Amino acid sequence: MHIYYPDGKGMGYRKATDSEPRNECRFTIEEGWTDKEGNIYYKVLEKWSRRPYDESRARTYYTAIKIQPSGNVMETVAYEGTHYEEIRPSDPRHTIHYRK
């Protein structure tokens, strides 16, 4: 489970039932747009580390995000590299997240 806050911080839990997050991130939305069907897209630069957050040990991910118009389903492709990938269900990094 991941929780993203408006201040550019996020928490990652190994399981939704865990009481404490395992990882912490800092993120920046680099680009955002809405398509004609109402899907919202973002390109997000994320830096994740174990808690507490340590920039010197953080891993950088370029994450492409698609949020369906209902706001209840988010698809992501996170790439640890130097560029963003398209959202493709066939990509092994493709993940679907459901709002709880």
Protein backbone atom coordinates (compact mmCIF):
# COMPACT_ATOMS: atom_id res chain seq x y z
CA MET A 1 0.00 0.00 0.00
CA HIS A 2 1.25 3.50 -0.85
CA ILE A 3 0.02 6.79 0.54
CA TYR A 4 0.94 10.04 -1.23
CA TYR A 5 0.55 13.39 0.54
CA PRO A 6 0.09 16.82 -1.09
CA ASP A 7 3.40 18.06 0.39
CA GLY A 8 5.45 15.75 -1.86
CA LYS A 9 6.01 13.00 0.69
CA GLY A 10 4.78 9.43 0.62
CA MET A 11 4.77 6.27 2.70
CA GLY A 12 5.01 2.67 1.58
CA TYR A 13 3.60 -0.23 3.54
CA ARG A 14 4.53 -3.83 2.86
CA LYS A 15 0.94 -4.92 3.56
CA ALA A 16 -2.19 -2.79 3.97
CA THR A 17 -2.60 -4.23 7.47
CA ASP A 18 0.84 -3.07 8.67
CA SER A 19 0.67 -0.42 11.39
CA GLU A 20 3.93 1.30 10.38
CA PRO A 21 5.26 2.18 6.93
CA ARG A 22 8.38 0.40 5.72
CA ASN A 23 9.53 2.96 3.16
CA GLU A 24 9.29 6.71 2.70
CA CYS A 25 9.54 8.83 -0.43
CA ARG A 26 9.86 12.33 -1.75
CA PHE A 27 8.22 13.00 -5.09
CA THR A 28 7.84 15.74 -7.67
CA ILE A 29 5.12 15.86 -10.32
CA GLU A 30 7.00 16.79 -13.48
CA GLU A 31 4.08 16.78 -15.92
CA GLY A 32 0.33 16.24 -15.82
CA TRP A 33 -2.55 16.22 -18.29
CA THR A 34 -6.08 14.89 -18.85
CA ASP A 35 -7.16 13.01 -21.96
CA LYS A 36 -10.53 13.33 -23.73
CA GLU A 37 -11.93 10.34 -21.78
CA GLY A 38 -11.17 12.07 -18.46
CA ASN A 39 -8.17 9.93 -17.47
CA ILE A 40 -5.55 11.91 -15.57
CA TYR A 41 -1.87 11.26 -16.33
CA TYR A 42 1.23 12.24 -14.40
CA LYS A 43 4.95 11.82 -14.82
CA VAL A 44 6.40 11.70 -11.32
CA LEU A 45 9.99 11.61 -10.11
CA GLU A 46 10.05 9.52 -6.92
CA LYS A 47 12.93 8.89 -4.51
CA TRP A 48 12.33 6.02 -2.08
CA SER A 49 14.34 4.89 0.93
CA ARG A 50 13.76 2.83 4.05
CA ARG A 51 12.38 4.79 6.97
CA PRO A 52 13.45 7.23 8.14
CA TYR A 53 13.97 8.90 4.76
CA ASP A 54 17.64 9.18 3.80
CA GLU A 55 18.34 11.05 0.54
CA SER A 56 21.83 9.53 0.29
CA ARG A 57 20.35 6.01 0.19
CA ALA A 58 17.23 6.77 -1.84
CA ARG A 59 16.52 4.99 -5.12
CA THR A 60 15.15 7.10 -7.96
CA TYR A 61 12.13 5.99 -9.99
CA TYR A 62 10.49 7.62 -12.99
CA THR A 63 6.83 6.76 -12.59
CA ALA A 64 4.09 7.15 -15.18
CA ILE A 65 0.64 7.29 -13.59
CA LYS A 66 -2.86 7.00 -15.05
CA ILE A 67 -5.87 7.71 -12.82
CA GLN A 68 -9.27 6.68 -14.14
CA PRO A 69 -12.05 9.31 -14.09
CA SER A 70 -13.71 7.67 -11.04
CA GLY A 71 -10.54 8.38 -9.04
CA ASN A 72 -10.67 4.84 -7.65
CA VAL A 73 -8.18 3.09 -9.96
CA MET A 74 -4.58 4.12 -10.57
CA GLU A 75 -2.22 2.37 -12.97
CA THR A 76 1.51 2.87 -12.71
CA VAL A 77 4.73 1.93 -14.44
CA ALA A 78 7.80 2.71 -12.34
CA TYR A 79 11.15 2.64 -14.09
CA GLU A 80 14.45 2.81 -12.24
CA GLY A 81 16.43 4.52 -14.94
CA THR A 82 16.55 7.74 -16.86
CA HIS A 83 13.21 7.98 -18.64
CA TYR A 84 9.49 7.37 -18.36
CA GLU A 85 7.66 4.43 -19.87
CA GLU A 86 4.17 4.36 -21.34
CA ILE A 87 1.38 2.77 -19.33
CA ARG A 88 1.05 -0.64 -20.96
CA PRO A 89 -0.64 -3.60 -19.22
CA SER A 90 1.86 -5.92 -20.95
CA ASP A 91 4.81 -4.21 -19.19
CA PRO A 92 6.05 -6.39 -16.29
CA ARG A 93 6.35 -3.23 -14.14
CA HIS A 94 2.67 -2.34 -14.73
CA THR A 95 0.74 -2.22 -11.46
CA ILE A 96 -2.91 -1.48 -10.71
CA HIS A 97 -3.78 0.22 -7.40
CA TYR A 98 -7.30 0.50 -5.98
CA ARG A 99 -8.45 3.28 -3.64
CA LYS A 100 -9.35 1.93 -0.27
